[in-house]
Protein backbone atom coordinates (compact mmCIF):
# COMPACT_ATOMS: atom_id res chain seq x y z
CA MET A 1 30.19 2.20 -47.04
CA SER A 2 33.31 3.33 -48.88
CA PHE A 3 33.62 6.45 -50.98
CA ALA A 4 33.71 4.33 -54.17
CA ALA A 5 30.48 2.61 -53.17
CA ASP A 6 28.82 5.96 -52.50
CA VAL A 7 29.89 7.23 -55.92
CA LYS A 8 28.54 4.10 -57.67
CA ALA A 9 25.24 4.42 -55.84
CA GLU A 10 24.95 8.10 -56.80
CA LEU A 11 25.71 7.37 -60.49
CA CYS A 12 23.16 4.57 -60.58
CA ARG A 13 20.40 6.94 -59.47
CA ALA A 14 20.23 8.42 -62.98
CA LYS A 15 17.43 7.03 -65.12
CA LEU A 16 18.26 4.92 -68.16
CA GLY A 17 18.50 7.19 -71.19
CA LYS A 18 18.01 6.62 -74.91
CA LYS A 19 19.15 3.42 -76.58
CA CYS A 20 22.36 4.99 -77.88
CA CYS A 21 23.21 6.24 -74.36
CA THR A 22 22.53 2.87 -72.74
CA GLN A 23 24.65 1.14 -75.39
CA ALA A 24 27.56 3.44 -74.59
CA GLU A 25 27.14 2.76 -70.86
CA ALA A 26 26.86 -0.98 -71.38
CA CYS A 27 30.00 -1.00 -73.58
CA GLY A 28 31.84 0.75 -70.76
CA VAL A 29 30.73 -2.00 -68.39
CA LEU A 30 31.91 -4.70 -70.80
CA LEU A 31 35.33 -3.08 -71.14
CA TYR A 32 36.02 -3.49 -67.41
CA CYS A 33 33.97 -6.59 -66.56
CA ASN A 34 35.43 -9.83 -65.16
CA ARG A 35 35.22 -11.76 -68.44
CA PHE A 36 34.15 -10.77 -71.94
CA SER A 37 34.64 -13.49 -74.55
CA LEU A 38 32.77 -15.32 -77.31
CA ARG A 39 31.73 -17.98 -74.82
CA GLU A 40 30.78 -15.93 -71.79
CA VAL A 41 30.15 -12.48 -70.37
CA LYS A 42 30.76 -12.35 -66.62
CA ILE A 43 30.19 -9.24 -64.50
CA VAL A 44 31.00 -9.26 -60.77
CA THR A 45 29.86 -6.47 -58.46
CA GLU A 46 29.24 -5.87 -54.77
CA SER A 47 27.26 -2.67 -55.36
CA PRO A 48 23.52 -3.27 -54.80
CA ALA A 49 22.61 -0.20 -56.83
CA PHE A 50 24.69 -1.32 -59.81
CA ALA A 51 23.37 -4.89 -59.54
CA GLN A 52 19.82 -3.55 -59.67
CA ARG A 53 20.64 -1.40 -62.71
CA LEU A 54 22.44 -4.06 -64.81
CA PRO A 55 19.46 -6.16 -66.07
CA GLY A 56 17.50 -3.14 -67.26
CA LEU A 57 20.62 -1.59 -68.81
CA PHE A 58 21.49 -4.60 -70.96
CA HIS A 59 17.87 -5.16 -71.92
CA ARG A 60 17.50 -1.54 -73.07
CA ALA A 61 20.88 -1.49 -74.84
CA PHE A 62 21.01 -4.90 -76.57
CA GLY A 63 17.73 -6.66 -75.81
CA LEU A 64 19.64 -9.23 -73.74
CA SER A 65 18.88 -10.85 -70.40
CA PHE A 66 21.31 -12.50 -67.99
CA ASP A 67 21.35 -16.30 -67.68
CA GLU A 68 22.63 -15.95 -64.12
CA LYS A 69 21.96 -13.01 -61.78
CA GLY A 70 23.10 -14.25 -58.40
CA ASP A 71 21.11 -14.19 -55.19
CA PRO A 72 20.15 -10.61 -54.25
CA ASP A 73 19.67 -11.62 -50.60
CA ALA A 74 23.06 -13.31 -50.27
CA PRO A 75 25.88 -11.23 -48.72
CA GLY A 76 28.99 -10.33 -50.71
CA LYS A 77 29.45 -10.03 -54.44
CA ARG A 78 26.84 -10.85 -57.08
CA ILE A 79 27.76 -12.52 -60.36
CA PHE A 80 25.94 -11.83 -63.62
CA ARG A 81 26.53 -14.16 -66.58
CA ILE A 82 25.46 -14.41 -70.20
CA THR A 83 26.43 -17.87 -71.45
CA GLY A 84 24.08 -18.57 -74.35
CA LYS A 85 22.46 -21.91 -75.02
CA SER A 86 24.56 -24.71 -73.52
CA GLY A 87 27.49 -22.28 -73.28
CA GLU A 88 28.45 -22.57 -76.96
CA SER A 89 29.79 -19.68 -79.05
CA GLU A 90 27.28 -17.73 -81.07
CA PHE A 91 28.12 -15.25 -83.82
CA VAL A 92 25.67 -12.46 -84.53
CA ARG A 93 25.62 -9.80 -87.21
CA PHE A 94 26.34 -6.31 -85.88
CA SER A 95 25.84 -3.14 -87.88
CA GLY A 96 27.25 0.36 -87.38
CA GLN A 97 23.94 1.88 -88.52
CA VAL A 98 23.26 3.29 -85.05
CA LEU A 99 26.52 5.26 -85.26
CA ARG A 100 25.52 7.05 -88.46
CA ALA A 101 24.02 10.52 -88.55
CA GLN A 102 20.28 10.60 -87.79
CA PRO A 103 18.11 13.41 -89.26
CA ALA A 104 17.11 16.09 -86.74
CA ARG A 105 13.81 17.93 -86.48
CA VAL A 106 12.43 20.15 -89.25
CA VAL A 107 11.78 23.83 -88.47
CA GLY A 108 10.27 26.25 -90.96
CA GLY A 109 10.53 23.66 -93.73
CA VAL A 110 14.27 23.32 -93.15
CA GLU A 111 16.01 20.22 -91.75
CA LEU A 112 18.29 21.45 -88.95
CA GLY A 113 21.28 19.17 -89.40
CA SER A 114 21.54 15.71 -87.89
CA HIS A 115 22.39 13.90 -84.66
CA GLU A 116 25.78 12.21 -84.62
CA PRO A 117 27.52 10.32 -81.80
CA VAL A 118 30.45 12.16 -80.25
CA PHE A 119 33.29 10.01 -78.89
CA ASP A 120 34.64 12.13 -76.05
CA ILE A 121 36.55 9.40 -74.18
CA VAL A 122 40.31 9.65 -74.45
CA VAL A 123 42.25 6.41 -73.85
CA SER A 124 45.79 6.87 -72.54
CA ALA A 125 48.40 4.72 -70.82
CA GLU A 126 48.07 4.49 -67.04
CA LYS A 127 51.86 4.60 -66.67
CA LYS A 128 53.95 6.53 -69.18
CA SER A 129 57.56 5.82 -69.92
CA THR A 130 60.29 8.18 -68.71
CA PHE A 131 61.07 9.09 -72.33
CA SER A 132 57.42 10.08 -72.94
CA ARG A 133 57.36 12.36 -69.89
CA LEU A 134 60.67 13.97 -70.82
CA SER A 135 59.43 14.57 -74.36
CA GLN A 136 56.28 16.29 -73.08
CA ASN A 137 58.31 18.44 -70.68
CA GLU A 138 60.69 19.51 -73.45
CA THR A 139 57.76 20.45 -75.69
CA ALA A 140 56.31 22.62 -72.90
CA LYS A 141 59.69 24.32 -72.33
CA GLU A 142 60.10 25.06 -76.03
CA CYS A 143 56.59 26.57 -76.26
CA TYR A 144 57.34 28.78 -73.24
CA GLN A 145 60.73 29.89 -74.57
CA LEU A 146 59.21 30.78 -77.94
CA GLY A 147 56.71 33.06 -76.19
CA PHE A 148 53.62 31.00 -76.99
CA PHE A 149 52.01 31.94 -73.66
CA ALA A 150 52.63 35.69 -73.88
CA PRO A 151 49.29 37.51 -74.41
CA ALA A 152 50.82 39.73 -77.12
CA ASN A 153 51.82 36.65 -79.16
CA ALA A 154 48.46 34.87 -78.99
CA ASP A 155 47.59 35.14 -82.71
CA ALA A 156 51.06 34.07 -83.91
CA ALA A 157 51.17 31.20 -81.39
CA LEU A 158 47.77 29.88 -82.54
CA ALA A 159 48.94 29.98 -86.16
CA ALA A 160 52.04 27.97 -85.23
CA LEU A 161 50.04 25.44 -83.20
CA GLU A 162 47.83 24.75 -86.23
CA MET A 163 50.91 23.25 -87.94
CA MET A 164 52.02 21.22 -84.89
CA ASP A 165 50.83 17.92 -83.45
CA PHE A 166 51.59 16.56 -79.98
CA GLU A 167 49.69 15.07 -77.07
CA GLY A 168 47.66 17.68 -75.20
CA ILE A 169 47.79 20.26 -78.01
CA GLU A 170 44.10 21.18 -77.56
CA LYS A 171 44.71 22.25 -73.96
CA VAL A 172 47.66 24.37 -75.09
CA ARG A 173 45.51 26.03 -77.78
CA GLN A 174 42.82 26.78 -75.21
CA ARG A 175 45.33 28.34 -72.80
CA VAL A 176 46.85 30.51 -75.56
CA ARG A 177 43.39 31.75 -76.57
CA GLN A 178 42.63 32.67 -72.96
CA ASN A 179 45.91 34.54 -72.59
CA GLY A 180 44.93 36.77 -75.49
CA THR A 181 41.50 37.62 -74.06
CA LEU A 182 40.56 39.88 -71.15
CA VAL A 183 38.29 37.75 -68.97
CA VAL A 184 37.61 40.00 -66.00
CA LEU A 185 38.75 43.33 -64.60
CA ILE A 186 38.71 43.68 -60.81
CA GLY A 187 39.08 47.03 -59.06
CA LEU A 188 38.36 48.86 -55.83
CA ARG A 189 35.59 51.41 -55.89
CA THR A 190 36.34 53.04 -52.54
CA ALA A 191 38.91 52.47 -49.80
CA THR A 192 39.33 54.24 -46.48
CA GLU A 193 42.69 55.48 -45.23
CA GLU A 194 42.83 52.67 -42.66
CA GLN A 195 42.54 50.10 -45.46
CA MET A 196 45.59 51.41 -47.35
CA THR A 197 47.96 49.03 -45.59
CA LEU A 198 49.98 46.00 -46.65
CA TYR A 199 47.50 43.69 -44.90
CA TYR A 200 44.58 44.89 -47.00
CA GLN A 201 46.71 44.89 -50.16
CA ASN A 202 47.53 41.21 -49.63
CA LEU A 203 43.89 40.45 -48.78
CA PHE A 204 42.77 42.14 -51.99
CA ARG A 205 45.31 40.17 -54.02
CA ILE A 206 44.06 36.90 -52.50
CA LEU A 207 40.44 37.78 -53.27
CA CYS A 208 41.38 38.73 -56.83
CA GLY A 209 43.14 35.41 -57.25
CA LEU A 210 40.13 33.46 -56.02
CA VAL A 211 37.75 35.38 -58.29
CA GLU A 212 40.08 34.97 -61.27
CA THR A 213 40.45 31.22 -60.72
CA ALA A 214 36.69 30.70 -60.37
CA LEU A 215 35.87 32.75 -63.48
CA VAL A 216 38.56 31.14 -65.61
CA ARG A 217 37.26 27.69 -64.66
CA ALA A 218 33.73 28.79 -65.48
CA PHE A 219 34.85 30.02 -68.90
CA GLU A 220 36.79 26.80 -69.51
CA TYR A 221 33.69 24.74 -68.71
CA GLU A 222 31.50 26.94 -70.92
CA ASN A 223 33.93 26.63 -73.83
CA ALA A 224 34.04 22.85 -73.38
CA VAL A 225 30.27 22.36 -73.52
CA GLN A 226 29.33 25.26 -75.81
CA GLU A 227 29.43 23.18 -78.99
CA SER A 228 26.78 20.84 -77.60
CA TRP A 229 24.44 23.79 -76.99
CA TYR A 230 23.82 24.50 -80.68
CA LEU A 231 22.13 22.58 -83.44
CA PRO A 232 24.85 21.28 -85.82
CA GLY A 233 26.04 23.91 -88.28
CA THR A 234 23.80 26.70 -86.95
CA CYS A 235 23.74 29.53 -84.44
CA LEU A 236 20.46 28.18 -83.00
CA LEU A 237 20.45 26.89 -79.43
CA ARG A 238 18.83 23.55 -78.74
CA PRO A 239 15.36 23.74 -77.10
CA ALA A 240 16.52 22.79 -73.59
CA VAL A 241 19.41 25.29 -73.59
CA PHE A 242 17.30 28.06 -75.11
CA ALA A 243 14.64 27.50 -72.45
CA GLN A 244 17.28 28.06 -69.72
CA LYS A 245 18.35 31.35 -71.32
CA LEU A 246 14.73 32.45 -71.65
CA GLU A 247 13.95 31.52 -68.05
CA SER A 248 16.88 33.62 -66.79
CA ALA A 249 15.74 36.59 -68.88
CA CYS A 250 12.16 36.29 -67.59
CA THR A 251 13.37 36.15 -63.99
CA LEU A 252 15.48 39.31 -64.45
CA GLN A 253 12.54 41.10 -66.04
CA GLU A 254 10.14 40.10 -63.27
CA ASP A 255 12.67 41.37 -60.71
CA LYS A 256 12.93 44.62 -62.71
CA MET A 257 16.65 44.14 -63.19
CA ALA A 258 16.63 43.91 -67.01
CA HIS A 259 14.34 43.97 -70.04
CA HIS A 260 14.04 41.74 -73.08
CA LEU A 261 11.83 40.98 -76.06
CA LEU A 262 11.11 37.52 -77.44
CA LEU A 263 10.45 37.45 -81.18
CA ARG A 264 9.01 34.48 -83.06
CA VAL A 265 10.41 34.00 -86.57
CA THR A 266 7.90 33.07 -89.29
CA GLY A 267 8.24 32.25 -92.98
CA GLU A 268 9.81 29.65 -95.23
CA PHE A 269 13.49 29.27 -96.05
CA LYS A 270 15.22 27.48 -98.92
CA ASN A 271 17.66 25.58 -96.74
CA GLN A 272 19.46 25.55 -93.42
CA ALA A 273 22.30 27.76 -94.68
CA GLU A 274 19.90 30.54 -95.69
CA LEU A 275 18.05 30.39 -92.37
CA ASN A 276 21.27 30.48 -90.36
CA ALA A 277 22.74 33.33 -92.43
CA ARG A 278 19.66 35.52 -92.00
CA VAL A 279 19.52 34.93 -88.25
CA GLU A 280 23.25 35.55 -87.76
CA ARG A 281 23.20 38.93 -89.51
CA SER A 282 20.03 40.03 -87.72
CA ILE A 283 21.04 39.70 -84.05
CA ARG A 284 23.67 41.30 -81.86
CA SER A 285 26.35 39.47 -79.92
CA THR A 286 24.27 39.91 -76.74
CA ASP A 287 21.15 38.40 -78.32
CA VAL A 288 20.26 34.70 -78.46
CA ALA A 289 18.62 32.64 -81.20
CA GLY A 290 17.18 29.20 -80.59
CA VAL A 291 14.45 26.63 -81.11
CA GLY A 292 11.53 26.55 -78.70
CA SER A 293 9.74 23.51 -77.34
CA ASP A 294 7.09 24.06 -80.06
CA ASN A 295 9.76 23.71 -82.83
CA ALA A 296 9.45 27.40 -83.73
CA ILE A 297 12.50 29.66 -84.07
CA TYR A 298 12.83 32.49 -81.53
CA LEU A 299 15.11 35.48 -81.09
CA LEU A 300 15.78 36.61 -77.52
CA MET A 301 16.64 40.31 -77.74
CA ASN A 302 18.29 41.31 -74.46
CA GLN A 303 18.05 44.87 -73.13
CA ALA A 304 15.17 45.66 -75.50
CA GLU A 305 11.75 47.09 -74.58
CA GLU A 306 8.32 47.31 -76.21
CA ALA A 307 9.18 50.80 -77.42
CA ASN A 308 11.96 49.27 -79.54
CA LEU A 309 9.63 46.74 -81.19
CA PRO A 310 8.72 48.78 -84.34
CA LEU A 311 12.37 49.50 -85.03
CA LEU A 312 13.35 45.86 -84.44
CA THR A 313 10.55 44.58 -86.69
CA LYS A 314 11.65 46.92 -89.47
CA ARG A 315 15.30 45.95 -89.08
CA MET A 316 14.48 42.22 -89.14
CA GLY A 317 12.34 42.71 -92.24
CA GLU A 318 15.24 44.35 -94.02
CA LYS A 319 17.38 41.31 -93.13
CA GLY A 320 14.78 38.92 -94.57
CA LEU A 321 13.13 37.81 -91.31
CA HIS A 322 9.47 38.25 -90.41
CA VAL A 323 8.98 38.36 -86.63
CA THR A 324 6.16 38.76 -84.11
CA SER A 325 6.45 39.62 -80.43
CA VAL A 326 5.70 36.94 -77.82
CA PRO A 327 4.03 38.11 -74.55
CA LEU A 328 5.55 37.24 -71.18
CA ASP A 329 2.87 34.72 -70.17
CA GLU A 330 3.46 32.73 -73.36
CA GLN A 331 7.20 32.86 -72.72
CA LEU A 332 6.68 31.27 -69.31
CA ARG A 333 4.56 28.54 -70.92
CA LEU A 334 7.40 27.78 -73.34
CA VAL A 335 9.81 27.45 -70.41
CA SER A 336 7.39 25.18 -68.54
CA ALA A 337 6.84 22.98 -71.60
CA ALA A 338 10.60 22.61 -72.11
CA LYS A 339 11.06 21.51 -68.48
CA GLN A 340 8.36 18.86 -68.86
CA GLU A 341 10.06 17.45 -71.97
CA VAL A 342 13.35 17.13 -70.08
């Protein structure tokens, strides 16, 4: 089998998701299929895994079945067709209702935002003109000459970029933000006299470069997906993400490497803005707030012990939050319940 065939087979192992997800996947198939017209939809594939996935995908996404599926036992490519009755054109009414915001769950009497589709596919030309490439190169040169990538000019460069518009500007903004932030500091704790040579200096530089590259990529990935971690318009992590944070904290505590307290928030709030404001001003930058698998709101207080509980309870009360401590065994049950939901 070819590499492409292996990749297709691996992608087709994933289970069919929600209706909105299957519709997005099916639309991607239609964009690159053999024929997509008012009279006929024709999909040709030689991947057995994809051929097995297609009927269920289109049935889940659109409630459609194929009029022709090809012979699964025959060698070579299989052809899937949707031709309609007698092959005539048929016009159906299609609504964008599924693309509108859908209400999310209610926690503490407050509706936590809504679910909206995010279009994260960027369509660009496969081959750009020479003029387009030269224009992009000149823009990059001008940004460099103006000192946009100098760490000391990060704030001024970001302000200037807010007033500019060109292809790839988001990547430039991200790079400027990183240049103005210390990501990691690497140093030697001890070194023998024999290691104070040019060989070891070069080796240390190489290791530093590898560590820096890996960490920068990790931060880039985290920044890219961080928005999807939180409920819209809040500082509350989604249940699945919060369960991962809680599981890591429980593992560190069981290994006696760190301590934490999990506090359950109780009470009623007027609206989402009030709930979010109270939580934001009650936790530190190292703490985590999120929604558990039981739809309750929790605060994960890192590096806190039972001895700190009275002080934390008092401080939360002053901020307008009533909290109760959650024992470790119940924390583990929350993590287990979240895994089962996924």
